[in-house]
Amino acid sequence: MTEESWDRLVDRRGANRGDARRDALLTAFDELLREKSLEEVNVAEISGRAGVTRSAFYFYFESKAVAVLALMRDLYDAAADANELLMKAEGDPETRIRTAITMLFDSVDSSPHTYRALLEARAASVAVRQLWDAGRADFARLIGGMIATERAAGRATDGTEPDALASVLLDLNDYAVERHSLGSGPPRDQHIEALTFLWLRTIYGENP
């Protein structure tokens, strides 16, 4: 999913970053999510803190759940950057995979309250799940293409269908980042180490 298509799906008015009212709404929303959960925040509070009318919120966003995705732009960009690093298939595979996974954890750690709101939004909103799944499917196809290229070059081990394998590996990343954001599971470094091991062995075999 391109940056333009993401903006078009998230914002009712298309790519409006830089719009003062939109920015004020997202700033207010972000502040409120630092204080309470997504369920506890209402549109009237967001609009009031932003100093705009309630209708102004709906001018830009279908719902507060969809607005969460606008706040998650940095996470989406980090995921895109990580996938781009993986797709280049350049240099040492272990370093490349570890760096990409670390980038995802860094993006969540930079805004944990927003990521927790995303988890709520995905659980509560069909629209958000569909948007997120569409982005994930795009990433899986790209990573699947990298796996196929690496296999054709004799660097990766043969195995199951590349796109399906990529989708499952991304599922592992999602679940690990989710647990990390909620403060459960192993420590961050161990999470990254385990994911790196699984990605490396799954794609490249015993001796990458």
N, C-alpha and C. Protein backbone atom coordinates (compact mmCIF):
# COMPACT_ATOMS: atom_id res chain seq x y z
N MET A 1 0.85 -1.18 0.00
CA MET A 1 0.00 0.00 0.00
C MET A 1 0.89 1.24 0.00
N THR A 2 0.72 2.14 -0.95
CA THR A 2 1.53 3.34 -1.05
C THR A 2 1.14 4.34 0.02
N GLU A 3 2.01 5.35 0.22
CA GLU A 3 1.71 6.40 1.20
C GLU A 3 0.42 7.13 0.83
N GLU A 4 0.22 7.37 -0.46
CA GLU A 4 -0.97 8.08 -0.90
C GLU A 4 -2.24 7.28 -0.65
N SER A 5 -2.19 5.96 -0.92
CA SER A 5 -3.38 5.15 -0.71
C SER A 5 -3.69 5.01 0.78
N TRP A 6 -2.65 4.95 1.62
CA TRP A 6 -2.87 4.91 3.08
C TRP A 6 -3.59 6.17 3.53
N ASP A 7 -3.10 7.33 3.09
CA ASP A 7 -3.73 8.59 3.47
C ASP A 7 -5.17 8.65 2.99
N ARG A 8 -5.42 8.16 1.79
CA ARG A 8 -6.76 8.23 1.22
C ARG A 8 -7.73 7.35 2.01
N LEU A 9 -7.25 6.21 2.49
CA LEU A 9 -8.10 5.31 3.24
C LEU A 9 -8.36 5.82 4.66
N VAL A 10 -7.34 6.43 5.26
CA VAL A 10 -7.45 6.88 6.64
C VAL A 10 -8.18 8.21 6.74
N ASP A 11 -7.84 9.16 5.88
CA ASP A 11 -8.43 10.50 5.94
C ASP A 11 -9.53 10.66 4.91
N ARG A 12 -10.67 11.12 5.34
CA ARG A 12 -11.80 11.31 4.42
C ARG A 12 -11.46 12.32 3.33
N ARG A 13 -10.56 13.23 3.62
CA ARG A 13 -10.22 14.28 2.66
C ARG A 13 -8.91 14.00 1.94
N GLY A 14 -8.42 12.77 2.02
CA GLY A 14 -7.17 12.44 1.35
C GLY A 14 -5.98 12.86 2.18
N ALA A 15 -4.88 13.11 1.51
CA ALA A 15 -3.63 13.45 2.20
C ALA A 15 -3.69 14.89 2.70
N ASN A 16 -4.04 15.07 3.99
CA ASN A 16 -4.22 16.41 4.54
C ASN A 16 -3.21 16.73 5.63
N ARG A 17 -2.11 15.98 5.69
CA ARG A 17 -1.13 16.31 6.70
C ARG A 17 -0.62 17.73 6.47
N GLY A 18 -0.50 18.51 7.54
CA GLY A 18 -0.17 19.91 7.41
C GLY A 18 -1.37 20.81 7.55
N ASP A 19 -2.57 20.24 7.50
CA ASP A 19 -3.81 20.98 7.72
C ASP A 19 -3.88 21.31 9.22
N ALA A 20 -4.00 22.58 9.56
CA ALA A 20 -3.93 23.01 10.96
C ALA A 20 -5.01 22.37 11.82
N ARG A 21 -6.25 22.30 11.34
CA ARG A 21 -7.33 21.72 12.14
C ARG A 21 -7.10 20.22 12.33
N ARG A 22 -6.70 19.55 11.25
CA ARG A 22 -6.43 18.12 11.35
C ARG A 22 -5.30 17.84 12.34
N ASP A 23 -4.23 18.63 12.23
CA ASP A 23 -3.10 18.46 13.14
C ASP A 23 -3.51 18.70 14.59
N ALA A 24 -4.37 19.71 14.82
CA ALA A 24 -4.82 20.00 16.17
C ALA A 24 -5.65 18.85 16.74
N LEU A 25 -6.48 18.25 15.90
CA LEU A 25 -7.29 17.11 16.33
C LEU A 25 -6.40 15.92 16.70
N LEU A 26 -5.40 15.64 15.87
CA LEU A 26 -4.53 14.50 16.15
C LEU A 26 -3.66 14.75 17.38
N THR A 27 -3.22 15.99 17.56
CA THR A 27 -2.44 16.32 18.76
C THR A 27 -3.29 16.13 20.01
N ALA A 28 -4.52 16.62 19.97
CA ALA A 28 -5.42 16.46 21.12
C ALA A 28 -5.72 14.99 21.38
N PHE A 29 -5.93 14.24 20.31
CA PHE A 29 -6.22 12.81 20.43
C PHE A 29 -5.04 12.10 21.07
N ASP A 30 -3.84 12.42 20.61
CA ASP A 30 -2.63 11.80 21.16
C ASP A 30 -2.50 12.11 22.65
N GLU A 31 -2.73 13.35 23.03
CA GLU A 31 -2.64 13.73 24.44
C GLU A 31 -3.64 12.95 25.29
N LEU A 32 -4.86 12.81 24.80
CA LEU A 32 -5.89 12.10 25.56
C LEU A 32 -5.55 10.62 25.70
N LEU A 33 -4.95 10.03 24.66
CA LEU A 33 -4.60 8.62 24.73
C LEU A 33 -3.45 8.36 25.70
N ARG A 34 -2.72 9.38 26.05
CA ARG A 34 -1.69 9.25 27.09
C ARG A 34 -2.33 9.20 28.47
N GLU A 35 -3.57 9.68 28.55
CA GLU A 35 -4.26 9.78 29.84
C GLU A 35 -5.27 8.67 30.07
N LYS A 36 -5.84 8.11 28.99
CA LYS A 36 -6.88 7.10 29.13
C LYS A 36 -6.91 6.20 27.91
N SER A 37 -7.71 5.15 27.97
CA SER A 37 -7.80 4.21 26.86
C SER A 37 -8.63 4.77 25.72
N LEU A 38 -8.54 4.12 24.55
CA LEU A 38 -9.33 4.56 23.40
C LEU A 38 -10.82 4.53 23.71
N GLU A 39 -11.27 3.49 24.41
CA GLU A 39 -12.69 3.37 24.73
C GLU A 39 -13.16 4.52 25.60
N GLU A 40 -12.29 5.01 26.48
CA GLU A 40 -12.67 6.08 27.41
C GLU A 40 -12.66 7.46 26.76
N VAL A 41 -11.98 7.61 25.64
CA VAL A 41 -11.92 8.90 24.95
C VAL A 41 -13.14 9.03 24.05
N ASN A 42 -13.75 10.21 24.00
CA ASN A 42 -14.85 10.43 23.07
C ASN A 42 -14.53 11.59 22.13
N VAL A 43 -15.26 11.64 21.03
CA VAL A 43 -14.99 12.63 19.98
C VAL A 43 -15.18 14.06 20.50
N ALA A 44 -16.15 14.25 21.38
CA ALA A 44 -16.37 15.59 21.93
C ALA A 44 -15.15 16.09 22.70
N GLU A 45 -14.51 15.19 23.45
CA GLU A 45 -13.30 15.56 24.18
C GLU A 45 -12.18 15.94 23.23
N ILE A 46 -12.01 15.14 22.18
CA ILE A 46 -10.96 15.41 21.20
C ILE A 46 -11.18 16.78 20.56
N SER A 47 -12.40 17.01 20.11
CA SER A 47 -12.72 18.27 19.44
C SER A 47 -12.57 19.46 20.38
N GLY A 48 -13.05 19.29 21.62
CA GLY A 48 -12.96 20.38 22.58
C GLY A 48 -11.52 20.75 22.88
N ARG A 49 -10.67 19.74 23.08
CA ARG A 49 -9.27 20.03 23.37
C ARG A 49 -8.57 20.65 22.17
N ALA A 50 -9.00 20.26 20.97
CA ALA A 50 -8.40 20.81 19.74
C ALA A 50 -8.91 22.20 19.43
N GLY A 51 -10.01 22.59 20.09
CA GLY A 51 -10.57 23.91 19.84
C GLY A 51 -11.35 24.01 18.54
N VAL A 52 -11.94 22.88 18.12
CA VAL A 52 -12.74 22.88 16.90
C VAL A 52 -14.09 22.23 17.22
N THR A 53 -15.01 22.28 16.27
CA THR A 53 -16.32 21.68 16.49
C THR A 53 -16.24 20.16 16.34
N ARG A 54 -17.23 19.49 16.90
CA ARG A 54 -17.31 18.03 16.78
C ARG A 54 -17.43 17.60 15.32
N SER A 55 -18.17 18.39 14.54
CA SER A 55 -18.33 18.04 13.13
C SER A 55 -17.01 18.13 12.37
N ALA A 56 -16.08 18.95 12.89
CA ALA A 56 -14.77 19.07 12.23
C ALA A 56 -14.03 17.75 12.29
N PHE A 57 -14.20 17.02 13.40
CA PHE A 57 -13.55 15.71 13.50
C PHE A 57 -14.03 14.80 12.38
N TYR A 58 -15.34 14.74 12.19
CA TYR A 58 -15.90 13.84 11.17
C TYR A 58 -15.67 14.35 9.74
N PHE A 59 -15.26 15.59 9.62
CA PHE A 59 -14.86 16.11 8.31
C PHE A 59 -13.62 15.37 7.82
N TYR A 60 -12.76 14.98 8.78
CA TYR A 60 -11.51 14.30 8.43
C TYR A 60 -11.56 12.79 8.62
N PHE A 61 -12.21 12.35 9.68
CA PHE A 61 -12.12 10.93 10.06
C PHE A 61 -13.50 10.31 10.23
N GLU A 62 -13.62 9.09 9.76
CA GLU A 62 -14.89 8.36 9.86
C GLU A 62 -15.23 8.07 11.32
N SER A 63 -14.22 7.79 12.13
CA SER A 63 -14.43 7.44 13.54
C SER A 63 -13.12 7.64 14.28
N LYS A 64 -13.18 7.58 15.61
CA LYS A 64 -11.95 7.70 16.38
C LYS A 64 -11.06 6.48 16.16
N ALA A 65 -11.65 5.32 15.87
CA ALA A 65 -10.85 4.13 15.58
C ALA A 65 -10.02 4.32 14.32
N VAL A 66 -10.63 4.90 13.29
CA VAL A 66 -9.89 5.17 12.05
C VAL A 66 -8.85 6.26 12.29
N ALA A 67 -9.17 7.23 13.13
CA ALA A 67 -8.21 8.30 13.42
C ALA A 67 -6.95 7.74 14.08
N VAL A 68 -7.09 6.63 14.80
CA VAL A 68 -5.91 6.00 15.40
C VAL A 68 -4.90 5.66 14.31
N LEU A 69 -5.39 5.20 13.15
CA LEU A 69 -4.48 4.85 12.06
C LEU A 69 -3.69 6.06 11.58
N ALA A 70 -4.31 7.23 11.61
CA ALA A 70 -3.59 8.44 11.24
C ALA A 70 -2.46 8.71 12.23
N LEU A 71 -2.73 8.43 13.52
CA LEU A 71 -1.68 8.58 14.52
C LEU A 71 -0.58 7.54 14.35
N MET A 72 -0.91 6.42 13.70
CA MET A 72 0.04 5.33 13.54
C MET A 72 0.87 5.46 12.27
N ARG A 73 0.84 6.63 11.64
CA ARG A 73 1.62 6.83 10.42
C ARG A 73 3.09 6.46 10.62
N ASP A 74 3.69 6.87 11.75
CA ASP A 74 5.10 6.59 11.98
C ASP A 74 5.36 5.09 12.07
N LEU A 75 4.44 4.35 12.71
CA LEU A 75 4.61 2.91 12.79
C LEU A 75 4.51 2.28 11.41
N TYR A 76 3.54 2.74 10.62
CA TYR A 76 3.40 2.20 9.26
C TYR A 76 4.65 2.50 8.45
N ASP A 77 5.17 3.71 8.57
CA ASP A 77 6.39 4.07 7.84
C ASP A 77 7.57 3.23 8.29
N ALA A 78 7.66 2.96 9.61
CA ALA A 78 8.76 2.14 10.12
C ALA A 78 8.65 0.71 9.57
N ALA A 79 7.42 0.19 9.51
CA ALA A 79 7.23 -1.14 8.95
C ALA A 79 7.62 -1.17 7.48
N ALA A 80 7.27 -0.10 6.75
CA ALA A 80 7.63 -0.03 5.33
C ALA A 80 9.15 0.04 5.17
N ASP A 81 9.82 0.83 6.03
CA ASP A 81 11.28 0.92 5.97
C ASP A 81 11.93 -0.42 6.30
N ALA A 82 11.38 -1.12 7.29
CA ALA A 82 11.93 -2.43 7.65
C ALA A 82 11.77 -3.43 6.51
N ASN A 83 10.61 -3.40 5.87
CA ASN A 83 10.39 -4.30 4.75
C ASN A 83 11.30 -3.96 3.57
N GLU A 84 11.52 -2.66 3.36
CA GLU A 84 12.42 -2.26 2.27
C GLU A 84 13.83 -2.78 2.53
N LEU A 85 14.26 -2.72 3.78
CA LEU A 85 15.57 -3.25 4.14
C LEU A 85 15.66 -4.75 3.86
N LEU A 86 14.59 -5.47 4.21
CA LEU A 86 14.57 -6.91 3.97
C LEU A 86 14.55 -7.22 2.48
N MET A 87 13.79 -6.45 1.72
CA MET A 87 13.64 -6.72 0.29
C MET A 87 14.92 -6.51 -0.50
N LYS A 88 15.78 -5.63 -0.02
CA LYS A 88 17.02 -5.38 -0.74
C LYS A 88 17.91 -6.63 -0.77
N ALA A 89 17.75 -7.49 0.24
CA ALA A 89 18.51 -8.75 0.31
C ALA A 89 20.00 -8.49 0.09
N GLU A 90 20.50 -7.46 0.74
CA GLU A 90 21.92 -7.11 0.61
C GLU A 90 22.61 -7.30 1.95
N GLY A 91 23.87 -7.75 1.89
CA GLY A 91 24.65 -7.90 3.10
C GLY A 91 24.31 -9.16 3.88
N ASP A 92 24.79 -9.20 5.10
CA ASP A 92 24.60 -10.36 5.98
C ASP A 92 23.12 -10.51 6.36
N PRO A 93 22.52 -11.68 6.09
CA PRO A 93 21.09 -11.85 6.39
C PRO A 93 20.74 -11.63 7.85
N GLU A 94 21.59 -12.10 8.77
CA GLU A 94 21.27 -11.96 10.19
C GLU A 94 21.24 -10.49 10.59
N THR A 95 22.21 -9.72 10.14
CA THR A 95 22.25 -8.29 10.48
C THR A 95 21.04 -7.58 9.90
N ARG A 96 20.69 -7.90 8.67
CA ARG A 96 19.57 -7.27 7.99
C ARG A 96 18.25 -7.57 8.71
N ILE A 97 18.03 -8.83 9.06
CA ILE A 97 16.79 -9.23 9.72
C ILE A 97 16.72 -8.64 11.13
N ARG A 98 17.82 -8.69 11.86
CA ARG A 98 17.82 -8.14 13.22
C ARG A 98 17.54 -6.64 13.21
N THR A 99 18.14 -5.94 12.27
CA THR A 99 17.94 -4.49 12.17
C THR A 99 16.48 -4.17 11.85
N ALA A 100 15.89 -4.90 10.92
CA ALA A 100 14.49 -4.66 10.54
C ALA A 100 13.55 -4.89 11.72
N ILE A 101 13.76 -5.97 12.46
CA ILE A 101 12.91 -6.27 13.62
C ILE A 101 13.10 -5.22 14.72
N THR A 102 14.34 -4.80 14.94
CA THR A 102 14.62 -3.78 15.94
C THR A 102 13.91 -2.47 15.59
N MET A 103 13.86 -2.14 14.30
CA MET A 103 13.16 -0.92 13.86
C MET A 103 11.69 -0.96 14.26
N LEU A 104 11.06 -2.13 14.16
CA LEU A 104 9.65 -2.25 14.56
C LEU A 104 9.47 -2.02 16.05
N PHE A 105 10.33 -2.64 16.85
CA PHE A 105 10.24 -2.46 18.30
C PHE A 105 10.50 -1.00 18.68
N ASP A 106 11.46 -0.37 18.01
CA ASP A 106 11.76 1.04 18.29
C ASP A 106 10.54 1.92 18.01
N SER A 107 9.84 1.64 16.91
CA SER A 107 8.69 2.47 16.55
C SER A 107 7.57 2.34 17.57
N VAL A 108 7.36 1.14 18.09
CA VAL A 108 6.33 0.94 19.11
C VAL A 108 6.75 1.59 20.43
N ASP A 109 8.02 1.44 20.78
CA ASP A 109 8.51 2.03 22.04
C ASP A 109 8.47 3.55 22.01
N SER A 110 8.51 4.14 20.82
CA SER A 110 8.47 5.60 20.72
C SER A 110 7.08 6.16 21.02
N SER A 111 6.05 5.31 20.91
CA SER A 111 4.67 5.76 21.15
C SER A 111 3.80 4.59 21.61
N PRO A 112 4.10 4.02 22.78
CA PRO A 112 3.37 2.82 23.23
C PRO A 112 1.88 3.06 23.45
N HIS A 113 1.51 4.27 23.90
CA HIS A 113 0.09 4.54 24.15
C HIS A 113 -0.71 4.50 22.85
N THR A 114 -0.09 4.96 21.76
CA THR A 114 -0.77 4.95 20.47
C THR A 114 -0.92 3.53 19.96
N TYR A 115 0.11 2.72 20.15
CA TYR A 115 0.04 1.34 19.69
C TYR A 115 -1.03 0.57 20.47
N ARG A 116 -1.14 0.83 21.76
CA ARG A 116 -2.18 0.16 22.53
C ARG A 116 -3.56 0.59 22.04
N ALA A 117 -3.69 1.86 21.64
CA ALA A 117 -4.96 2.31 21.07
C ALA A 117 -5.24 1.60 19.75
N LEU A 118 -4.20 1.34 18.98
CA LEU A 118 -4.38 0.59 17.73
C LEU A 118 -4.92 -0.81 18.00
N LEU A 119 -4.41 -1.46 19.02
CA LEU A 119 -4.90 -2.80 19.37
C LEU A 119 -6.39 -2.74 19.70
N GLU A 120 -6.80 -1.72 20.45
CA GLU A 120 -8.23 -1.54 20.76
C GLU A 120 -9.04 -1.29 19.50
N ALA A 121 -8.50 -0.43 18.63
CA ALA A 121 -9.22 -0.07 17.41
C ALA A 121 -9.38 -1.27 16.49
N ARG A 122 -8.36 -2.08 16.36
CA ARG A 122 -8.44 -3.27 15.52
C ARG A 122 -9.46 -4.26 16.05
N ALA A 123 -9.56 -4.35 17.36
CA ALA A 123 -10.51 -5.28 17.97
C ALA A 123 -11.95 -4.79 17.84
N ALA A 124 -12.12 -3.47 17.81
CA ALA A 124 -13.47 -2.91 17.85
C ALA A 124 -14.04 -2.53 16.49
N SER A 125 -13.18 -2.30 15.51
CA SER A 125 -13.63 -1.73 14.25
C SER A 125 -13.30 -2.64 13.06
N VAL A 126 -14.33 -3.04 12.33
CA VAL A 126 -14.12 -3.84 11.12
C VAL A 126 -13.33 -3.03 10.09
N ALA A 127 -13.63 -1.74 9.98
CA ALA A 127 -12.95 -0.89 9.01
C ALA A 127 -11.45 -0.84 9.28
N VAL A 128 -11.08 -0.69 10.55
CA VAL A 128 -9.66 -0.63 10.91
C VAL A 128 -8.99 -1.96 10.62
N ARG A 129 -9.65 -3.06 10.98
CA ARG A 129 -9.06 -4.38 10.69
C ARG A 129 -8.83 -4.56 9.20
N GLN A 130 -9.78 -4.13 8.39
CA GLN A 130 -9.64 -4.27 6.94
C GLN A 130 -8.48 -3.42 6.41
N LEU A 131 -8.37 -2.20 6.90
CA LEU A 131 -7.27 -1.33 6.48
C LEU A 131 -5.92 -1.91 6.89
N TRP A 132 -5.85 -2.37 8.13
CA TRP A 132 -4.59 -2.93 8.63
C TRP A 132 -4.23 -4.21 7.87
N ASP A 133 -5.22 -5.05 7.64
CA ASP A 133 -4.97 -6.31 6.93
C ASP A 133 -4.54 -6.05 5.49
N ALA A 134 -5.08 -5.01 4.87
CA ALA A 134 -4.69 -4.67 3.50
C ALA A 134 -3.21 -4.27 3.45
N GLY A 135 -2.80 -3.47 4.42
CA GLY A 135 -1.39 -3.10 4.49
C GLY A 135 -0.50 -4.29 4.76
N ARG A 136 -0.95 -5.16 5.67
CA ARG A 136 -0.18 -6.36 5.99
C ARG A 136 -0.05 -7.29 4.78
N ALA A 137 -1.12 -7.44 4.01
CA ALA A 137 -1.08 -8.29 2.83
C ALA A 137 -0.07 -7.77 1.81
N ASP A 138 -0.01 -6.44 1.67
CA ASP A 138 0.99 -5.85 0.77
C ASP A 138 2.40 -6.17 1.24
N PHE A 139 2.64 -6.02 2.54
CA PHE A 139 3.96 -6.33 3.08
C PHE A 139 4.31 -7.80 2.86
N ALA A 140 3.35 -8.68 3.07
CA ALA A 140 3.60 -10.11 2.91
C ALA A 140 3.99 -10.45 1.48
N ARG A 141 3.33 -9.82 0.52
CA ARG A 141 3.68 -10.08 -0.88
C ARG A 141 5.10 -9.62 -1.19
N LEU A 142 5.49 -8.48 -0.63
CA LEU A 142 6.83 -7.97 -0.86
C LEU A 142 7.89 -8.88 -0.24
N ILE A 143 7.66 -9.29 1.00
CA ILE A 143 8.61 -10.19 1.67
C ILE A 143 8.62 -11.55 0.97
N GLY A 144 7.44 -12.00 0.54
CA GLY A 144 7.38 -13.26 -0.21
C GLY A 144 8.21 -13.20 -1.48
N GLY A 145 8.19 -12.04 -2.15
CA GLY A 145 9.00 -11.87 -3.35
C GLY A 145 10.48 -11.95 -3.03
N MET A 146 10.89 -11.38 -1.89
CA MET A 146 12.29 -11.46 -1.48
C MET A 146 12.69 -12.91 -1.22
N ILE A 147 11.82 -13.66 -0.54
CA ILE A 147 12.12 -15.06 -0.25
C ILE A 147 12.28 -15.85 -1.54
N ALA A 148 11.38 -15.61 -2.49
CA ALA A 148 11.46 -16.32 -3.77
C ALA A 148 12.76 -15.98 -4.50
N THR A 149 13.16 -14.70 -4.45
CA THR A 149 14.41 -14.27 -5.09
C THR A 149 15.61 -14.93 -4.44
N GLU A 150 15.62 -14.97 -3.14
CA GLU A 150 16.72 -15.60 -2.41
C GLU A 150 16.80 -17.11 -2.69
N ARG A 151 15.65 -17.74 -2.84
CA ARG A 151 15.65 -19.16 -3.18
C ARG A 151 16.20 -19.38 -4.59
N ALA A 152 15.77 -18.54 -5.51
CA ALA A 152 16.22 -18.68 -6.90
C ALA A 152 17.73 -18.47 -7.01
N ALA A 153 18.28 -17.63 -6.14
CA ALA A 153 19.72 -17.37 -6.14
C ALA A 153 20.51 -18.43 -5.38
N GLY A 154 19.80 -19.38 -4.77
CA GLY A 154 20.46 -20.44 -4.03
C GLY A 154 20.90 -20.05 -2.64
N ARG A 155 20.44 -18.90 -2.16
CA ARG A 155 20.84 -18.45 -0.82
C ARG A 155 19.87 -18.90 0.26
N ALA A 156 18.59 -19.09 -0.09
CA ALA A 156 17.58 -19.49 0.88
C ALA A 156 17.17 -20.94 0.64
N THR A 157 16.70 -21.57 1.70
CA THR A 157 16.30 -22.96 1.59
C THR A 157 14.92 -23.08 0.97
N ASP A 158 14.69 -24.18 0.25
CA ASP A 158 13.36 -24.41 -0.32
C ASP A 158 12.36 -24.68 0.81
N GLY A 159 11.09 -24.44 0.51
CA GLY A 159 10.08 -24.67 1.53
C GLY A 159 8.70 -24.33 1.03
N THR A 160 7.85 -23.95 1.96
CA THR A 160 6.46 -23.67 1.63
C THR A 160 6.34 -22.41 0.77
N GLU A 161 5.14 -22.16 0.27
CA GLU A 161 4.89 -21.04 -0.64
C GLU A 161 5.36 -19.73 0.00
N PRO A 162 6.17 -18.93 -0.73
CA PRO A 162 6.82 -17.76 -0.14
C PRO A 162 5.88 -16.73 0.48
N ASP A 163 4.76 -16.40 -0.18
CA ASP A 163 3.85 -15.39 0.37
C ASP A 163 3.22 -15.87 1.67
N ALA A 164 2.86 -17.16 1.71
CA ALA A 164 2.27 -17.71 2.93
C ALA A 164 3.29 -17.71 4.07
N LEU A 165 4.53 -18.07 3.73
CA LEU A 165 5.59 -18.07 4.74
C LEU A 165 5.82 -16.65 5.27
N ALA A 166 5.85 -15.68 4.37
CA ALA A 166 6.05 -14.29 4.78
C ALA A 166 4.91 -13.82 5.68
N SER A 167 3.69 -14.20 5.36
CA SER A 167 2.53 -13.80 6.16
C SER A 167 2.63 -14.34 7.58
N VAL A 168 3.05 -15.59 7.72
CA VAL A 168 3.18 -16.20 9.05
C VAL A 168 4.31 -15.53 9.83
N LEU A 169 5.41 -15.23 9.17
CA LEU A 169 6.52 -14.55 9.86
C LEU A 169 6.10 -13.17 10.34
N LEU A 170 5.31 -12.46 9.52
CA LEU A 170 4.80 -11.16 9.95
C LEU A 170 3.82 -11.30 11.10
N ASP A 171 3.05 -12.39 11.12
CA ASP A 171 2.16 -12.66 12.25
C ASP A 171 2.97 -12.78 13.54
N LEU A 172 4.12 -13.46 13.46
CA LEU A 172 4.99 -13.60 14.63
C LEU A 172 5.45 -12.23 15.12
N ASN A 173 5.86 -11.38 14.17
CA ASN A 173 6.27 -10.03 14.54
C ASN A 173 5.14 -9.26 15.24
N ASP A 174 3.95 -9.33 14.65
CA ASP A 174 2.80 -8.61 15.21
C ASP A 174 2.51 -9.05 16.64
N TYR A 175 2.48 -10.36 16.85
CA TYR A 175 2.15 -10.87 18.17
C TYR A 175 3.23 -10.50 19.19
N ALA A 176 4.50 -10.59 18.76
CA ALA A 176 5.59 -10.25 19.67
C ALA A 176 5.55 -8.77 20.05
N VAL A 177 5.32 -7.90 19.06
CA VAL A 177 5.26 -6.46 19.34
C VAL A 177 4.06 -6.14 20.22
N GLU A 178 2.95 -6.84 19.99
CA GLU A 178 1.76 -6.63 20.81
C GLU A 178 2.05 -6.99 22.27
N ARG A 179 2.64 -8.15 22.50
CA ARG A 179 2.96 -8.56 23.87
C ARG A 179 3.93 -7.58 24.51
N HIS A 180 4.92 -7.15 23.74
CA HIS A 180 5.90 -6.20 24.26
C HIS A 180 5.22 -4.90 24.67
N SER A 181 4.30 -4.39 23.84
CA SER A 181 3.63 -3.13 24.15
C SER A 181 2.77 -3.22 25.40
N LEU A 182 2.29 -4.43 25.69
CA LEU A 182 1.43 -4.64 26.86
C LEU A 182 2.24 -5.06 28.09
N GLY A 183 3.56 -5.15 27.93
CA GLY A 183 4.43 -5.47 29.05
C GLY A 183 4.47 -6.94 29.43
N SER A 184 4.13 -7.82 28.48
CA SER A 184 4.18 -9.26 28.76
C SER A 184 5.21 -9.92 27.86
N GLY A 185 5.48 -11.20 28.15
CA GLY A 185 6.45 -11.92 27.36
C GLY A 185 7.87 -11.66 27.83
N PRO A 186 8.85 -12.15 27.08
CA PRO A 186 10.26 -11.97 27.48
C PRO A 186 10.70 -10.52 27.32
N PRO A 187 11.85 -10.17 27.90
CA PRO A 187 12.37 -8.81 27.72
C PRO A 187 12.57 -8.48 26.25
N ARG A 188 12.62 -7.18 25.94
CA ARG A 188 12.72 -6.71 24.56
C ARG A 188 13.88 -7.38 23.80
N ASP A 189 15.08 -7.38 24.38
CA ASP A 189 16.24 -7.95 23.68
C ASP A 189 16.04 -9.42 23.35
N GLN A 190 15.44 -10.15 24.29
CA GLN A 190 15.19 -11.57 24.05
C GLN A 190 14.11 -11.78 22.98
N HIS A 191 13.12 -10.90 22.97
CA HIS A 191 12.09 -10.95 21.93
C HIS A 191 12.72 -10.78 20.56
N ILE A 192 13.57 -9.78 20.43
CA ILE A 192 14.22 -9.51 19.16
C ILE A 192 15.13 -10.65 18.77
N GLU A 193 15.85 -11.18 19.73
CA GLU A 193 16.76 -12.30 19.46
C GLU A 193 15.99 -13.52 18.96
N ALA A 194 14.88 -13.83 19.62
CA ALA A 194 14.09 -15.01 19.23
C ALA A 194 13.48 -14.83 17.85
N LEU A 195 12.94 -13.64 17.56
CA LEU A 195 12.36 -13.39 16.24
C LEU A 195 13.42 -13.47 15.15
N THR A 196 14.60 -12.91 15.42
CA THR A 196 15.68 -12.97 14.44
C THR A 196 16.05 -14.42 14.15
N PHE A 197 16.15 -15.22 15.20
CA PHE A 197 16.48 -16.64 15.04
C PHE A 197 15.43 -17.35 14.18
N LEU A 198 14.16 -17.10 14.47
CA LEU A 198 13.09 -17.78 13.72
C LEU A 198 13.06 -17.35 12.25
N TRP A 199 13.17 -16.05 12.00
CA TRP A 199 13.20 -15.57 10.61
C TRP A 199 14.40 -16.15 9.86
N LEU A 200 15.57 -16.10 10.50
CA LEU A 200 16.80 -16.53 9.84
C LEU A 200 16.76 -18.02 9.51
N ARG A 201 16.39 -18.83 10.47
CA ARG A 201 16.37 -20.28 10.25
C ARG A 201 15.24 -20.67 9.29
N THR A 202 14.11 -20.00 9.37
CA THR A 202 12.98 -20.35 8.50
C THR A 202 13.30 -20.06 7.03
N ILE A 203 13.93 -18.90 6.78
CA ILE A 203 14.21 -18.52 5.40
C ILE A 203 15.50 -19.14 4.87
N TYR A 204 16.54 -19.13 5.71
CA TYR A 204 17.86 -19.50 5.22
C TYR A 204 18.37 -20.86 5.68
N GLY A 205 17.66 -21.51 6.59
CA GLY A 205 18.08 -22.83 7.01
C GLY A 205 19.13 -22.80 8.12
N GLU A 206 19.83 -23.88 8.28
CA GLU A 206 20.77 -24.02 9.39
C GLU A 206 21.98 -23.12 9.26
N ASN A 207 22.49 -22.94 8.04
CA ASN A 207 23.72 -22.18 7.84
C ASN A 207 23.54 -21.09 6.80
N PRO A 208 22.88 -20.00 7.18
CA PRO A 208 22.65 -18.94 6.21
C PRO A 208 23.95 -18.28 5.73
